[in-house]
PDB file of N, CA and C in Angstrom:
ATOM      1  N   MET A   1     -22.838  -3.331 -23.400  1.00  0.00           N
ATOM      2  CA  MET A   1     -23.640  -3.504 -22.139  1.00  0.00           C
ATOM      3  C   MET A   1     -23.549  -2.444 -20.876  1.00  0.00           C
ATOM      4  N   ALA A   2     -23.225  -1.387 -21.472  1.00  0.00           N
ATOM      5  CA  ALA A   2     -23.309  -0.174 -20.523  1.00  0.00           C
ATOM      6  C   ALA A   2     -24.493   0.749 -20.312  1.00  0.00           C
ATOM      7  N   LEU A   3     -24.663   0.803 -19.095  1.00  0.00           N
ATOM      8  CA  LEU A   3     -25.757   1.473 -18.555  1.00  0.00           C
ATOM      9  C   LEU A   3     -25.945   3.040 -18.963  1.00  0.00           C
ATOM     10  N   PRO A   4     -26.877   3.722 -19.108  1.00  0.00           N
ATOM     11  CA  PRO A   4     -26.981   5.124 -19.196  1.00  0.00           C
ATOM     12  C   PRO A   4     -26.445   5.849 -18.161  1.00  0.00           C
ATOM     13  N   VAL A   5     -25.636   7.163 -18.443  1.00  0.00           N
ATOM     14  CA  VAL A   5     -25.256   7.924 -17.412  1.00  0.00           C
ATOM     15  C   VAL A   5     -26.171   8.106 -16.106  1.00  0.00           C
ATOM     16  N   SER A   6     -27.458   8.307 -16.935  1.00  0.00           N
ATOM     17  CA  SER A   6     -28.511   8.798 -15.825  1.00  0.00           C
ATOM     18  C   SER A   6     -28.728   7.938 -14.707  1.00  0.00           C
ATOM     19  N   VAL A   7     -28.550   6.412 -14.950  1.00  0.00           N
ATOM     20  CA  VAL A   7     -28.581   5.400 -13.812  1.00  0.00           C
ATOM     21  C   VAL A   7     -27.361   5.478 -13.208  1.00  0.00           C
ATOM     22  N   LEU A   8     -26.128   5.564 -13.604  1.00  0.00           N
ATOM     23  CA  LEU A   8     -25.055   5.256 -12.940  1.00  0.00           C
ATOM     24  C   LEU A   8     -25.251   6.610 -12.012  1.00  0.00           C
ATOM     25  N   LEU A   9     -25.689   7.854 -12.203  1.00  0.00           N
ATOM     26  CA  LEU A   9     -25.876   8.863 -11.412  1.00  0.00           C
ATOM     27  C   LEU A   9     -26.802   8.681 -10.225  1.00  0.00           C
ATOM     28  N   ILE A  10     -27.866   8.025 -10.477  1.00  0.00           N
ATOM     29  CA  ILE A  10     -28.954   7.720  -9.552  1.00  0.00           C
ATOM     30  C   ILE A  10     -28.288   7.003  -8.718  1.00  0.00           C
ATOM     31  N   GLY A  11     -27.513   5.814  -9.031  1.00  0.00           N
ATOM     32  CA  GLY A  11     -27.011   4.735  -8.343  1.00  0.00           C
ATOM     33  C   GLY A  11     -25.786   5.480  -7.457  1.00  0.00           C
ATOM     34  N   ASP A  12     -25.099   6.271  -7.747  1.00  0.00           N
ATOM     35  CA  ASP A  12     -24.012   6.956  -6.940  1.00  0.00           C
ATOM     36  C   ASP A  12     -24.698   8.056  -5.693  1.00  0.00           C
ATOM     37  N   LEU A  13     -25.830   8.385  -6.103  1.00  0.00           N
ATOM     38  CA  LEU A  13     -26.656   9.565  -5.224  1.00  0.00           C
ATOM     39  C   LEU A  13     -26.980   8.623  -4.222  1.00  0.00           C
ATOM     40  N   LEU A  14     -27.679   7.541  -4.515  1.00  0.00           N
ATOM     41  CA  LEU A  14     -28.153   6.327  -3.558  1.00  0.00           C
ATOM     42  C   LEU A  14     -27.170   6.106  -2.639  1.00  0.00           C
ATOM     43  N   GLN A  15     -26.175   5.644  -3.352  1.00  0.00           N
ATOM     44  CA  GLN A  15     -25.067   5.421  -2.696  1.00  0.00           C
ATOM     45  C   GLN A  15     -24.367   6.253  -1.605  1.00  0.00           C
ATOM     46  N   ALA A  16     -24.368   7.403  -1.907  1.00  0.00           N
ATOM     47  CA  ALA A  16     -23.892   8.512  -1.130  1.00  0.00           C
ATOM     48  C   ALA A  16     -24.711   8.926   0.117  1.00  0.00           C
ATOM     49  N   ILE A  17     -26.105   8.883  -0.249  1.00  0.00           N
ATOM     50  CA  ILE A  17     -26.851   9.365   0.969  1.00  0.00           C
ATOM     51  C   ILE A  17     -26.932   8.076   1.966  1.00  0.00           C
ATOM     52  N   GLY A  18     -26.776   6.820   1.357  1.00  0.00           N
ATOM     53  CA  GLY A  18     -26.529   5.625   2.250  1.00  0.00           C
ATOM     54  C   GLY A  18     -25.367   5.679   3.090  1.00  0.00           C
ATOM     55  N   THR A  19     -24.509   6.032   2.498  1.00  0.00           N
ATOM     56  CA  THR A  19     -23.134   6.392   3.303  1.00  0.00           C
ATOM     57  C   THR A  19     -23.189   7.397   4.211  1.00  0.00           C
ATOM     58  N   GLY A  20     -23.861   8.580   3.929  1.00  0.00           N
ATOM     59  CA  GLY A  20     -24.086   9.726   4.652  1.00  0.00           C
ATOM     60  C   GLY A  20     -24.813   9.362   5.975  1.00  0.00           C
ATOM     61  N   LEU A  21     -25.721   8.521   5.775  1.00  0.00           N
ATOM     62  CA  LEU A  21     -26.726   8.161   7.067  1.00  0.00           C
ATOM     63  C   LEU A  21     -25.859   6.865   7.679  1.00  0.00           C
ATOM     64  N   LEU A  22     -25.251   6.002   7.101  1.00  0.00           N
ATOM     65  CA  LEU A  22     -24.644   5.136   7.844  1.00  0.00           C
ATOM     66  C   LEU A  22     -23.424   5.597   8.740  1.00  0.00           C
ATOM     67  N   THR A  23     -22.650   6.204   8.603  1.00  0.00           N
ATOM     68  CA  THR A  23     -21.761   6.897   9.295  1.00  0.00           C
ATOM     69  C   THR A  23     -21.907   7.411  10.826  1.00  0.00           C
ATOM     70  N   PRO A  24     -23.049   8.570  10.829  1.00  0.00           N
ATOM     71  CA  PRO A  24     -23.198   8.970  12.210  1.00  0.00           C
ATOM     72  C   PRO A  24     -24.138   7.879  13.113  1.00  0.00           C
ATOM     73  N   ILE A  25     -24.827   7.061  12.415  1.00  0.00           N
ATOM     74  CA  ILE A  25     -25.497   6.153  13.181  1.00  0.00           C
ATOM     75  C   ILE A  25     -24.574   4.735  13.459  1.00  0.00           C
ATOM     76  N   GLY A  26     -23.709   4.433  12.594  1.00  0.00           N
ATOM     77  CA  GLY A  26     -22.633   3.658  13.007  1.00  0.00           C
ATOM     78  C   GLY A  26     -21.836   3.899  13.875  1.00  0.00           C
ATOM     79  N   MET A  27     -21.444   5.236  14.090  1.00  0.00           N
ATOM     80  CA  MET A  27     -20.394   5.757  15.067  1.00  0.00           C
ATOM     81  C   MET A  27     -21.380   5.853  16.452  1.00  0.00           C
ATOM     82  N   ASN A  28     -22.504   6.218  16.569  1.00  0.00           N
ATOM     83  CA  ASN A  28     -23.203   6.292  17.650  1.00  0.00           C
ATOM     84  C   ASN A  28     -23.526   4.864  18.265  1.00  0.00           C
ATOM     85  N   ILE A  29     -23.811   3.903  17.647  1.00  0.00           N
ATOM     86  CA  ILE A  29     -23.979   2.592  17.874  1.00  0.00           C
ATOM     87  C   ILE A  29     -22.671   1.849  18.578  1.00  0.00           C
ATOM     88  N   THR A  30     -21.427   2.316  17.902  1.00  0.00           N
ATOM     89  CA  THR A  30     -20.531   1.929  18.299  1.00  0.00           C
ATOM     90  C   THR A  30     -19.846   2.401  19.444  1.00  0.00           C
ATOM     91  N   LEU A  31     -20.201   3.556  19.757  1.00  0.00           N
ATOM     92  CA  LEU A  31     -19.931   4.370  20.843  1.00  0.00           C
ATOM     93  C   LEU A  31     -20.823   4.016  22.207  1.00  0.00           C
ATOM     94  N   ALA A  32     -21.946   3.449  21.934  1.00  0.00           N
ATOM     95  CA  ALA A  32     -22.812   3.021  22.894  1.00  0.00           C
ATOM     96  C   ALA A  32     -22.649   1.556  23.436  1.00  0.00           C
ATOM     97  N   VAL A  33     -21.934   0.816  22.545  1.00  0.00           N
ATOM     98  CA  VAL A  33     -22.068  -0.621  22.586  1.00  0.00           C
ATOM     99  C   VAL A  33     -20.408  -1.274  23.048  1.00  0.00           C
ATOM    100  N   SER A  34     -19.381  -0.388  22.585  1.00  0.00           N
ATOM    101  CA  SER A  34     -18.071  -1.059  22.815  1.00  0.00           C
ATOM    102  C   SER A  34     -17.612  -0.634  24.112  1.00  0.00           C
ATOM    103  N   PRO A  35     -16.539  -1.455  24.634  1.00  0.00           N
ATOM    104  CA  PRO A  35     -15.894  -1.149  25.904  1.00  0.00           C
ATOM    105  C   PRO A  35     -15.070  -0.032  25.569  1.00  0.00           C
ATOM    106  N   ARG A  36     -14.909   0.611  26.804  1.00  0.00           N
ATOM    107  CA  ARG A  36     -13.733   1.998  26.761  1.00  0.00           C
ATOM    108  C   ARG A  36     -12.582   1.640  26.079  1.00  0.00           C
ATOM    109  N   GLU A  37     -12.015   0.312  26.693  1.00  0.00           N
ATOM    110  CA  GLU A  37     -10.776   0.075  26.351  1.00  0.00           C
ATOM    111  C   GLU A  37     -10.438  -0.287  24.740  1.00  0.00           C
ATOM    112  N   GLU A  38     -11.385  -0.645  24.178  1.00  0.00           N
ATOM    113  CA  GLU A  38     -11.486  -0.854  22.726  1.00  0.00           C
ATOM    114  C   GLU A  38     -11.846  -0.012  21.795  1.00  0.00           C
ATOM    115  N   LEU A  39     -12.272   1.032  22.528  1.00  0.00           N
ATOM    116  CA  LEU A  39     -13.001   2.295  21.610  1.00  0.00           C
ATOM    117  C   LEU A  39     -12.490   2.447  20.362  1.00  0.00           C
ATOM    118  N   ASP A  40     -11.166   2.815  20.576  1.00  0.00           N
ATOM    119  CA  ASP A  40     -10.155   3.150  19.277  1.00  0.00           C
ATOM    120  C   ASP A  40     -10.239   2.301  18.245  1.00  0.00           C
ATOM    121  N   MET A  41      -9.861   1.031  18.573  1.00  0.00           N
ATOM    122  CA  MET A  41      -9.770  -0.025  17.403  1.00  0.00           C
ATOM    123  C   MET A  41     -11.029  -0.262  16.791  1.00  0.00           C
ATOM    124  N   VAL A  42     -12.150  -0.341  17.626  1.00  0.00           N
ATOM    125  CA  VAL A  42     -13.368  -0.716  16.940  1.00  0.00           C
ATOM    126  C   VAL A  42     -13.954   0.944  16.194  1.00  0.00           C
ATOM    127  N   MET A  43     -13.648   1.790  16.677  1.00  0.00           N
ATOM    128  CA  MET A  43     -14.012   3.202  15.698  1.00  0.00           C
ATOM    129  C   MET A  43     -13.353   3.252  14.159  1.00  0.00           C
ATOM    130  N   GLY A  44     -11.868   2.585  14.500  1.00  0.00           N
ATOM    131  CA  GLY A  44     -11.204   2.486  13.251  1.00  0.00           C
ATOM    132  C   GLY A  44     -11.785   1.461  12.210  1.00  0.00           C
ATOM    133  N   ILE A  45     -12.209   0.430  12.669  1.00  0.00           N
ATOM    134  CA  ILE A  45     -12.739  -0.837  11.997  1.00  0.00           C
ATOM    135  C   ILE A  45     -14.329  -0.158  11.367  1.00  0.00           C
ATOM    136  N   MET A  46     -14.818   0.728  12.190  1.00  0.00           N
ATOM    137  CA  MET A  46     -16.126   1.193  11.566  1.00  0.00           C
ATOM    138  C   MET A  46     -15.842   2.309  10.440  1.00  0.00           C
ATOM    139  N   ALA A  47     -14.886   3.099  10.796  1.00  0.00           N
ATOM    140  CA  ALA A  47     -14.494   4.167   9.673  1.00  0.00           C
ATOM    141  C   ALA A  47     -13.973   3.411   8.663  1.00  0.00           C
ATOM    142  N   ALA A  48     -13.195   2.285   8.588  1.00  0.00           N
ATOM    143  CA  ALA A  48     -12.574   1.641   7.399  1.00  0.00           C
ATOM    144  C   ALA A  48     -13.767   0.783   6.602  1.00  0.00           C
ATOM    145  N   MET A  49     -14.628   0.047   7.393  1.00  0.00           N
ATOM    146  CA  MET A  49     -15.780  -0.271   6.660  1.00  0.00           C
ATOM    147  C   MET A  49     -16.873   1.028   5.797  1.00  0.00           C
ATOM    148  N   THR A  50     -16.924   1.967   6.553  1.00  0.00           N
ATOM    149  CA  THR A  50     -17.915   3.108   5.689  1.00  0.00           C
ATOM    150  C   THR A  50     -16.762   3.612   4.458  1.00  0.00           C
ATOM    151  N   ILE A  51     -15.693   3.718   4.424  1.00  0.00           N
ATOM    152  CA  ILE A  51     -14.695   4.419   3.565  1.00  0.00           C
ATOM    153  C   ILE A  51     -14.384   3.117   2.318  1.00  0.00           C
ATOM    154  N   LEU A  52     -13.973   1.992   2.621  1.00  0.00           N
ATOM    155  CA  LEU A  52     -13.835   0.763   1.914  1.00  0.00           C
ATOM    156  C   LEU A  52     -14.869  -0.160   1.469  1.00  0.00           C
ATOM    157  N   GLY A  53     -16.032   0.126   2.010  1.00  0.00           N
ATOM    158  CA  GLY A  53     -17.462  -0.732   1.442  1.00  0.00           C
ATOM    159  C   GLY A  53     -17.755  -0.480   0.073  1.00  0.00           C
ATOM    160  N   PRO A  54     -17.866   1.095   0.047  1.00  0.00           N
ATOM    161  CA  PRO A  54     -18.502   1.338  -1.450  1.00  0.00           C
ATOM    162  C   PRO A  54     -17.515   1.173  -2.404  1.00  0.00           C
ATOM    163  N   VAL A  55     -16.003   1.029  -2.228  1.00  0.00           N
ATOM    164  CA  VAL A  55     -15.207   0.695  -3.286  1.00  0.00           C
ATOM    165  C   VAL A  55     -15.290  -0.696  -3.683  1.00  0.00           C
ATOM    166  N   ARG A  56     -15.217  -1.430  -2.806  1.00  0.00           N
ATOM    167  CA  ARG A  56     -15.537  -2.734  -2.880  1.00  0.00           C
ATOM    168  C   ARG A  56     -16.608  -3.328  -3.714  1.00  0.00           C
ATOM    169  N   GLU A  57     -17.759  -2.829  -3.273  1.00  0.00           N
ATOM    170  CA  GLU A  57     -18.899  -2.954  -4.176  1.00  0.00           C
ATOM    171  C   GLU A  57     -19.010  -2.358  -5.437  1.00  0.00           C
ATOM    172  N   GLN A  58     -18.017  -1.403  -5.901  1.00  0.00           N
ATOM    173  CA  GLN A  58     -17.903  -0.950  -7.065  1.00  0.00           C
ATOM    174  C   GLN A  58     -17.242  -2.017  -7.797  1.00  0.00           C
ATOM    175  N   ARG A  59     -16.254  -2.289  -7.379  1.00  0.00           N
ATOM    176  CA  ARG A  59     -15.470  -3.499  -8.058  1.00  0.00           C
ATOM    177  C   ARG A  59     -16.194  -4.865  -8.168  1.00  0.00           C
ATOM    178  N   SER A  60     -16.916  -5.051  -7.268  1.00  0.00           N
ATOM    179  CA  SER A  60     -17.622  -6.473  -7.148  1.00  0.00           C
ATOM    180  C   SER A  60     -18.626  -6.515  -8.569  1.00  0.00           C
ATOM    181  N   GLY A  61     -19.255  -5.058  -8.641  1.00  0.00           N
ATOM    182  CA  GLY A  61     -20.326  -4.824  -9.583  1.00  0.00           C
ATOM    183  C   GLY A  61     -19.604  -4.977 -11.058  1.00  0.00           C
ATOM    184  N   GLN A  62     -18.456  -4.393 -10.923  1.00  0.00           N
ATOM    185  CA  GLN A  62     -17.500  -4.356 -12.683  1.00  0.00           C
ATOM    186  C   GLN A  62     -17.215  -5.825 -12.818  1.00  0.00           C
ATOM    187  N   ARG A  63     -16.781  -6.542 -11.714  1.00  0.00           N
ATOM    188  CA  ARG A  63     -16.343  -8.056 -12.152  1.00  0.00           C
ATOM    189  C   ARG A  63     -17.920  -8.808 -12.246  1.00  0.00           C
ATOM    190  N   ALA A  64     -19.008  -8.501 -11.698  1.00  0.00           N
ATOM    191  CA  ALA A  64     -19.884  -9.305 -12.361  1.00  0.00           C
ATOM    192  C   ALA A  64     -20.531  -8.852 -13.552  1.00  0.00           C
ATOM    193  N   ALA A  65     -20.440  -7.577 -13.826  1.00  0.00           N
ATOM    194  CA  ALA A  65     -21.032  -7.184 -15.370  1.00  0.00           C
ATOM    195  C   ALA A  65     -19.844  -7.735 -16.279  1.00  0.00           C
ATOM    196  N   THR A  66     -18.618  -7.773 -15.880  1.00  0.00           N
ATOM    197  CA  THR A  66     -17.764  -8.833 -16.959  1.00  0.00           C
ATOM    198  C   THR A  66     -17.982 -10.092 -17.178  1.00  0.00           C
ATOM    199  N   GLN A  67     -18.255 -10.801 -16.113  1.00  0.00           N
ATOM    200  CA  GLN A  67     -18.827 -12.251 -16.236  1.00  0.00           C
ATOM    201  C   GLN A  67     -19.902 -12.348 -16.999  1.00  0.00           C
ATOM    202  N   LEU A  68     -21.264 -11.457 -16.744  1.00  0.00           N
ATOM    203  CA  LEU A  68     -22.172 -11.514 -17.524  1.00  0.00           C
ATOM    204  C   LEU A  68     -22.183 -11.280 -19.016  1.00  0.00           C
ATOM    205  N   THR A  69     -21.391 -10.343 -19.312  1.00  0.00           N
ATOM    206  CA  THR A  69     -20.979  -9.883 -20.529  1.00  0.00           C
ATOM    207  C   THR A  69     -20.158 -11.149 -21.534  1.00  0.00           C
ATOM    208  N   ASP A  70     -19.335 -11.692 -20.553  1.00  0.00           N
ATOM    209  CA  ASP A  70     -18.493 -12.656 -21.223  1.00  0.00           C
ATOM    210  C   ASP A  70     -19.351 -14.034 -21.433  1.00  0.00           C
ATOM    211  N   ALA A  71     -20.288 -14.165 -20.607  1.00  0.00           N
ATOM    212  CA  ALA A  71     -21.164 -15.573 -20.617  1.00  0.00           C
ATOM    213  C   ALA A  71     -22.206 -15.322 -21.749  1.00  0.00           C
ATOM    214  N   HIS A  72     -22.577 -14.060 -21.825  1.00  0.00           N
ATOM    215  CA  HIS A  72     -23.548 -13.610 -22.954  1.00  0.00           C
ATOM    216  C   HIS A  72     -22.794 -13.806 -24.439  1.00  0.00           C
ATOM    217  N   GLU A  73     -21.528 -13.544 -24.429  1.00  0.00           N
ATOM    218  CA  GLU A  73     -20.865 -13.585 -25.698  1.00  0.00           C
ATOM    219  C   GLU A  73     -20.420 -15.208 -26.111  1.00  0.00           C
ATOM    220  N   GLY A  74     -20.845 -15.825 -25.021  1.00  0.00           N
ATOM    221  CA  GLY A  74     -20.172 -17.469 -25.170  1.00  0.00           C
ATOM    222  C   GLY A  74     -18.600 -17.857 -24.796  1.00  0.00           C
ATOM    223  N   LYS A  75     -18.182 -16.716 -24.100  1.00  0.00           N
ATOM    224  CA  LYS A  75     -16.766 -16.986 -23.720  1.00  0.00           C
ATOM    225  C   LYS A  75     -16.839 -17.962 -22.348  1.00  0.00           C
ATOM    226  N   LEU A  76     -17.687 -17.660 -21.406  1.00  0.00           N
ATOM    227  CA  LEU A  76     -17.583 -18.262 -20.202  1.00  0.00           C
ATOM    228  C   LEU A  76     -18.851 -19.036 -20.001  1.00  0.00           C
ATOM    229  N   PRO A  77     -18.946 -20.067 -19.157  1.00  0.00           N
ATOM    230  CA  PRO A  77     -20.478 -20.641 -18.787  1.00  0.00           C
ATOM    231  C   PRO A  77     -20.966 -19.384 -17.573  1.00  0.00           C
ATOM    232  N   ALA A  78     -22.539 -19.273 -17.801  1.00  0.00           N
ATOM    233  CA  ALA A  78     -22.998 -18.459 -16.965  1.00  0.00           C
ATOM    234  C   ALA A  78     -22.992 -19.243 -15.297  1.00  0.00           C
ATOM    235  N   VAL A  79     -22.451 -18.253 -14.232  1.00  0.00           N
ATOM    236  CA  VAL A  79     -22.491 -18.771 -12.967  1.00  0.00           C
ATOM    237  C   VAL A  79     -23.721 -18.291 -12.264  1.00  0.00           C
TER     238      VAL A  79
END
């Protein structure tokens, strides 16, 4: 149950565009809202979300695809 490479490339492209837009907007909002004393911690959290978010979603997608494939083959009940 694999998707064609063209669909995967389009998904990766959309994800890259979203991340590219999210980073500067998120940093500007963080700079505008956060107190000066906590700015370094909040900026670190924002950067971690930007970097680790796409990785987590790819893993979630892989896990969901595996569960759906197993449910389709009768190995597991559908969730």
